[in-house]
Amino acid sequence: MKQKFEWSEWKKFPNPGKGEYLFAPFGCGVYELRNAKENKFVLFGSGKNCAYRMSSLLPPPLGQGTRNNEGKRKYVQTHLEDLEYRTFPFLKEDEMKLFEKQLKKKNEYNFGT
């Protein structure tokens, strides 16, 4: 039986310095960030552990993991109060990757993956 998922509701991006929480799939998932103040998409991404991958959007010591794009981290940290996110869970990594490719075609983001 194939399980159908959909985007979560938009949530304010958490500020770990204030003890706020990130609600994201612990397994495979895609995420999207938007600047609510400007009503513009900022970035999207995916991860085998979506929650951990999203935590790498903040620079250390607030964020975890590695990210090769310092510009993304600086943008997220600078605009943290204006950012919202949503997630889309997946059971299979190949389905997640296919969905991410579809997002890339939208070309509406400040940053690519």
N, C-alpha and C. Protein backbone atom coordinates (compact mmCIF):
# COMPACT_ATOMS: atom_id res chain seq x y z
N MET A 1 0.83 -1.19 0.00
CA MET A 1 0.00 0.00 0.00
C MET A 1 0.88 1.25 0.00
N LYS A 2 0.67 2.12 -0.95
CA LYS A 2 1.46 3.34 -1.06
C LYS A 2 0.86 4.42 -0.18
N GLN A 3 1.67 4.99 0.66
CA GLN A 3 1.21 6.03 1.57
C GLN A 3 1.44 7.39 0.93
N LYS A 4 0.44 8.24 0.94
CA LYS A 4 0.56 9.58 0.34
C LYS A 4 0.76 10.62 1.44
N PHE A 5 1.77 11.43 1.25
CA PHE A 5 2.07 12.50 2.19
C PHE A 5 1.80 13.83 1.51
N GLU A 6 1.86 14.89 2.26
CA GLU A 6 1.74 16.24 1.70
C GLU A 6 2.56 17.21 2.55
N TRP A 7 2.68 18.43 2.06
CA TRP A 7 3.43 19.46 2.80
C TRP A 7 2.80 19.69 4.18
N SER A 8 3.65 19.94 5.14
CA SER A 8 3.18 20.38 6.46
C SER A 8 2.70 21.82 6.34
N GLU A 9 2.09 22.33 7.38
CA GLU A 9 1.74 23.75 7.45
C GLU A 9 3.04 24.55 7.59
N TRP A 10 3.01 25.80 7.16
CA TRP A 10 4.17 26.67 7.38
C TRP A 10 4.32 26.95 8.87
N LYS A 11 5.56 26.88 9.36
CA LYS A 11 5.88 27.15 10.76
C LYS A 11 7.02 28.16 10.81
N LYS A 12 7.05 28.93 11.87
CA LYS A 12 8.15 29.87 12.08
C LYS A 12 9.44 29.08 12.29
N PHE A 13 10.51 29.49 11.60
CA PHE A 13 11.79 28.80 11.78
C PHE A 13 12.28 29.05 13.20
N PRO A 14 12.66 27.98 13.89
CA PRO A 14 13.01 28.14 15.31
C PRO A 14 14.35 28.81 15.53
N ASN A 15 14.43 29.49 16.64
CA ASN A 15 15.67 30.10 17.08
C ASN A 15 16.20 29.25 18.23
N PRO A 16 17.23 28.43 17.98
CA PRO A 16 17.75 27.57 19.05
C PRO A 16 18.32 28.36 20.22
N GLY A 17 18.73 29.60 19.98
CA GLY A 17 19.23 30.45 21.07
C GLY A 17 18.15 30.80 22.07
N LYS A 18 16.88 30.64 21.66
CA LYS A 18 15.74 30.89 22.54
C LYS A 18 15.10 29.58 23.00
N GLY A 19 15.71 28.44 22.68
CA GLY A 19 15.18 27.14 23.09
C GLY A 19 13.99 26.69 22.27
N GLU A 20 13.82 27.23 21.05
CA GLU A 20 12.68 26.85 20.21
C GLU A 20 12.95 25.54 19.49
N TYR A 21 11.89 24.88 19.05
CA TYR A 21 11.97 23.55 18.48
C TYR A 21 11.77 23.55 16.97
N LEU A 22 12.42 22.60 16.31
CA LEU A 22 12.24 22.32 14.90
C LEU A 22 11.38 21.06 14.78
N PHE A 23 10.31 21.13 14.03
CA PHE A 23 9.43 19.98 13.82
C PHE A 23 9.61 19.52 12.38
N ALA A 24 10.35 18.43 12.19
CA ALA A 24 10.67 17.94 10.85
C ALA A 24 10.80 16.42 10.90
N PRO A 25 10.66 15.76 9.73
CA PRO A 25 10.81 14.30 9.71
C PRO A 25 12.18 13.87 10.20
N PHE A 26 12.19 12.83 10.98
CA PHE A 26 13.44 12.26 11.46
C PHE A 26 14.06 11.40 10.37
N GLY A 27 13.24 10.96 9.42
CA GLY A 27 13.72 10.19 8.28
C GLY A 27 13.77 11.06 7.05
N CYS A 28 13.61 10.43 5.89
CA CYS A 28 13.67 11.12 4.60
C CYS A 28 12.66 12.25 4.52
N GLY A 29 13.08 13.37 3.96
CA GLY A 29 12.16 14.48 3.80
C GLY A 29 12.76 15.63 3.02
N VAL A 30 11.87 16.46 2.51
CA VAL A 30 12.23 17.66 1.78
C VAL A 30 11.74 18.85 2.60
N TYR A 31 12.48 19.94 2.57
CA TYR A 31 12.06 21.15 3.28
C TYR A 31 12.14 22.34 2.36
N GLU A 32 11.37 23.36 2.71
CA GLU A 32 11.35 24.61 1.97
C GLU A 32 11.34 25.74 2.99
N LEU A 33 12.11 26.78 2.73
CA LEU A 33 12.10 27.98 3.57
C LEU A 33 11.63 29.16 2.75
N ARG A 34 10.86 30.02 3.40
CA ARG A 34 10.45 31.27 2.75
C ARG A 34 10.62 32.41 3.74
N ASN A 35 10.84 33.58 3.18
CA ASN A 35 10.91 34.80 3.96
C ASN A 35 9.48 35.33 4.01
N ALA A 36 8.81 35.19 5.13
CA ALA A 36 7.40 35.59 5.26
C ALA A 36 7.24 37.10 5.12
N LYS A 37 8.21 37.86 5.56
CA LYS A 37 8.14 39.32 5.48
C LYS A 37 8.12 39.78 4.02
N GLU A 38 8.93 39.13 3.19
CA GLU A 38 9.03 39.48 1.77
C GLU A 38 8.16 38.60 0.88
N ASN A 39 7.56 37.55 1.48
CA ASN A 39 6.74 36.57 0.75
C ASN A 39 7.51 35.98 -0.45
N LYS A 40 8.75 35.54 -0.18
CA LYS A 40 9.61 34.96 -1.22
C LYS A 40 10.21 33.66 -0.72
N PHE A 41 10.31 32.68 -1.65
CA PHE A 41 10.99 31.43 -1.32
C PHE A 41 12.49 31.70 -1.22
N VAL A 42 13.12 31.08 -0.21
CA VAL A 42 14.54 31.29 0.02
C VAL A 42 15.35 30.10 -0.47
N LEU A 43 14.98 28.91 -0.02
CA LEU A 43 15.74 27.72 -0.38
C LEU A 43 14.92 26.47 -0.14
N PHE A 44 15.43 25.36 -0.63
CA PHE A 44 14.85 24.05 -0.38
C PHE A 44 15.99 23.06 -0.25
N GLY A 45 15.69 21.91 0.27
CA GLY A 45 16.70 20.86 0.41
C GLY A 45 16.06 19.58 0.85
N SER A 46 16.89 18.57 1.02
CA SER A 46 16.40 17.27 1.45
C SER A 46 17.45 16.58 2.28
N GLY A 47 17.05 15.52 2.93
CA GLY A 47 18.00 14.74 3.71
C GLY A 47 17.41 13.42 4.14
N LYS A 48 18.31 12.44 4.32
CA LYS A 48 17.88 11.14 4.84
C LYS A 48 17.34 11.30 6.26
N ASN A 49 17.86 12.29 6.97
CA ASN A 49 17.34 12.72 8.25
C ASN A 49 17.05 14.21 8.09
N CYS A 50 15.85 14.52 7.69
CA CYS A 50 15.47 15.89 7.33
C CYS A 50 15.72 16.87 8.49
N ALA A 51 15.37 16.49 9.68
CA ALA A 51 15.54 17.38 10.84
C ALA A 51 17.02 17.73 11.05
N TYR A 52 17.89 16.74 10.95
CA TYR A 52 19.32 17.00 11.14
C TYR A 52 19.85 17.88 10.02
N ARG A 53 19.42 17.61 8.79
CA ARG A 53 19.88 18.40 7.64
C ARG A 53 19.45 19.86 7.79
N MET A 54 18.23 20.07 8.24
CA MET A 54 17.74 21.44 8.42
C MET A 54 18.53 22.16 9.51
N SER A 55 18.98 21.44 10.51
CA SER A 55 19.73 22.09 11.59
C SER A 55 21.07 22.62 11.09
N SER A 56 21.54 22.11 9.94
CA SER A 56 22.81 22.61 9.39
C SER A 56 22.64 23.95 8.68
N LEU A 57 21.41 24.46 8.64
CA LEU A 57 21.18 25.77 8.02
C LEU A 57 21.66 26.92 8.89
N LEU A 58 21.94 26.64 10.15
CA LEU A 58 22.45 27.66 11.07
C LEU A 58 23.94 27.43 11.31
N PRO A 59 24.72 28.50 11.42
CA PRO A 59 26.14 28.33 11.69
C PRO A 59 26.38 27.83 13.11
N PRO A 60 27.52 27.14 13.32
CA PRO A 60 27.87 26.71 14.67
C PRO A 60 28.00 27.93 15.57
N PRO A 61 27.72 27.85 16.82
CA PRO A 61 27.35 26.65 17.56
C PRO A 61 25.85 26.35 17.55
N LEU A 62 25.05 27.17 16.86
CA LEU A 62 23.60 26.95 16.85
C LEU A 62 23.21 25.78 15.98
N GLY A 63 23.86 25.59 14.84
CA GLY A 63 23.52 24.52 13.92
C GLY A 63 24.43 23.32 14.05
N GLN A 64 23.98 22.21 13.48
CA GLN A 64 24.74 20.96 13.50
C GLN A 64 25.05 20.53 12.07
N GLY A 65 25.94 19.58 11.92
CA GLY A 65 26.22 19.04 10.60
C GLY A 65 27.11 19.95 9.78
N THR A 66 27.26 19.58 8.53
CA THR A 66 28.12 20.34 7.63
C THR A 66 27.31 20.92 6.49
N ARG A 67 27.78 22.01 5.99
CA ARG A 67 27.14 22.66 4.84
C ARG A 67 28.24 23.45 4.14
N ASN A 68 28.30 23.29 2.83
CA ASN A 68 29.35 23.94 2.05
C ASN A 68 28.94 25.30 1.51
N ASN A 69 27.88 25.87 2.02
CA ASN A 69 27.42 27.15 1.52
C ASN A 69 27.25 28.12 2.69
N GLU A 70 28.30 28.85 2.95
CA GLU A 70 28.28 29.80 4.07
C GLU A 70 27.23 30.89 3.85
N GLY A 71 26.95 31.21 2.59
CA GLY A 71 25.96 32.23 2.26
C GLY A 71 24.58 31.87 2.77
N LYS A 72 24.21 30.59 2.66
CA LYS A 72 22.91 30.14 3.18
C LYS A 72 22.85 30.33 4.68
N ARG A 73 23.90 29.90 5.36
CA ARG A 73 23.92 29.99 6.82
C ARG A 73 23.83 31.43 7.29
N LYS A 74 24.56 32.32 6.63
CA LYS A 74 24.52 33.73 7.01
C LYS A 74 23.12 34.31 6.76
N TYR A 75 22.52 33.96 5.62
CA TYR A 75 21.19 34.46 5.31
C TYR A 75 20.18 34.00 6.37
N VAL A 76 20.21 32.71 6.68
CA VAL A 76 19.27 32.17 7.68
C VAL A 76 19.48 32.85 9.02
N GLN A 77 20.71 32.99 9.44
CA GLN A 77 20.96 33.62 10.74
C GLN A 77 20.51 35.09 10.74
N THR A 78 20.78 35.81 9.68
CA THR A 78 20.43 37.23 9.58
C THR A 78 18.92 37.46 9.52
N HIS A 79 18.20 36.56 8.85
CA HIS A 79 16.76 36.73 8.63
C HIS A 79 15.92 35.77 9.47
N LEU A 80 16.49 35.21 10.51
CA LEU A 80 15.84 34.17 11.30
C LEU A 80 14.44 34.55 11.75
N GLU A 81 14.24 35.76 12.16
CA GLU A 81 12.92 36.19 12.68
C GLU A 81 11.84 36.23 11.59
N ASP A 82 12.25 36.30 10.32
CA ASP A 82 11.30 36.41 9.21
C ASP A 82 11.06 35.09 8.49
N LEU A 83 11.80 34.04 8.85
CA LEU A 83 11.73 32.79 8.09
C LEU A 83 10.66 31.83 8.59
N GLU A 84 10.07 31.14 7.63
CA GLU A 84 9.12 30.06 7.90
C GLU A 84 9.58 28.85 7.10
N TYR A 85 9.17 27.67 7.55
CA TYR A 85 9.55 26.45 6.84
C TYR A 85 8.36 25.50 6.79
N ARG A 86 8.45 24.58 5.84
CA ARG A 86 7.51 23.47 5.77
C ARG A 86 8.28 22.25 5.30
N THR A 87 7.75 21.09 5.62
CA THR A 87 8.44 19.85 5.27
C THR A 87 7.49 18.89 4.56
N PHE A 88 8.10 17.94 3.87
CA PHE A 88 7.36 16.93 3.13
C PHE A 88 8.07 15.60 3.40
N PRO A 89 7.46 14.69 4.17
CA PRO A 89 8.12 13.44 4.51
C PRO A 89 8.03 12.40 3.39
N PHE A 90 9.00 11.52 3.35
CA PHE A 90 9.02 10.41 2.39
C PHE A 90 9.46 9.14 3.09
N LEU A 91 8.99 8.01 2.56
CA LEU A 91 9.42 6.72 3.08
C LEU A 91 10.63 6.20 2.32
N LYS A 92 10.76 6.63 1.05
CA LYS A 92 11.83 6.12 0.20
C LYS A 92 12.70 7.27 -0.30
N GLU A 93 13.99 7.05 -0.24
CA GLU A 93 14.94 8.09 -0.64
C GLU A 93 14.81 8.44 -2.12
N ASP A 94 14.57 7.45 -2.98
CA ASP A 94 14.47 7.75 -4.41
C ASP A 94 13.26 8.64 -4.72
N GLU A 95 12.16 8.46 -4.00
CA GLU A 95 10.99 9.32 -4.19
C GLU A 95 11.28 10.74 -3.71
N MET A 96 12.02 10.85 -2.63
CA MET A 96 12.42 12.15 -2.09
C MET A 96 13.28 12.89 -3.11
N LYS A 97 14.26 12.20 -3.68
CA LYS A 97 15.17 12.83 -4.66
C LYS A 97 14.41 13.29 -5.90
N LEU A 98 13.44 12.50 -6.36
CA LEU A 98 12.64 12.86 -7.52
C LEU A 98 11.83 14.13 -7.24
N PHE A 99 11.25 14.20 -6.05
CA PHE A 99 10.47 15.38 -5.66
C PHE A 99 11.38 16.61 -5.58
N GLU A 100 12.57 16.44 -5.05
CA GLU A 100 13.51 17.55 -4.96
C GLU A 100 13.89 18.07 -6.35
N LYS A 101 14.04 17.18 -7.31
CA LYS A 101 14.34 17.60 -8.69
C LYS A 101 13.21 18.44 -9.26
N GLN A 102 11.98 18.10 -8.91
CA GLN A 102 10.83 18.88 -9.38
C GLN A 102 10.86 20.30 -8.79
N LEU A 103 11.25 20.42 -7.52
CA LEU A 103 11.37 21.74 -6.90
C LEU A 103 12.45 22.57 -7.58
N LYS A 104 13.54 21.92 -7.93
CA LYS A 104 14.66 22.63 -8.57
C LYS A 104 14.20 23.27 -9.89
N LYS A 105 13.29 22.64 -10.58
CA LYS A 105 12.79 23.16 -11.86
C LYS A 105 11.96 24.43 -11.68
N LYS A 106 11.40 24.63 -10.47
CA LYS A 106 10.60 25.83 -10.22
C LYS A 106 11.44 27.10 -10.33
N ASN A 107 12.71 27.00 -9.93
CA ASN A 107 13.64 28.12 -10.04
C ASN A 107 13.10 29.41 -9.40
N GLU A 108 12.49 29.29 -8.25
CA GLU A 108 11.91 30.44 -7.54
C GLU A 108 12.66 30.79 -6.25
N TYR A 109 13.85 30.22 -6.07
CA TYR A 109 14.53 30.33 -4.79
C TYR A 109 15.76 31.23 -4.86
N ASN A 110 16.08 31.89 -3.75
CA ASN A 110 17.30 32.68 -3.65
C ASN A 110 18.53 31.79 -3.76
N PHE A 111 18.45 30.58 -3.19
CA PHE A 111 19.55 29.62 -3.17
C PHE A 111 19.07 28.30 -3.76
N GLY A 112 19.95 27.59 -4.47
CA GLY A 112 19.67 26.23 -4.89
C GLY A 112 19.93 25.28 -3.75
N THR A 113 19.93 24.01 -4.00
CA THR A 113 20.16 23.02 -2.93
C THR A 113 21.59 23.05 -2.48
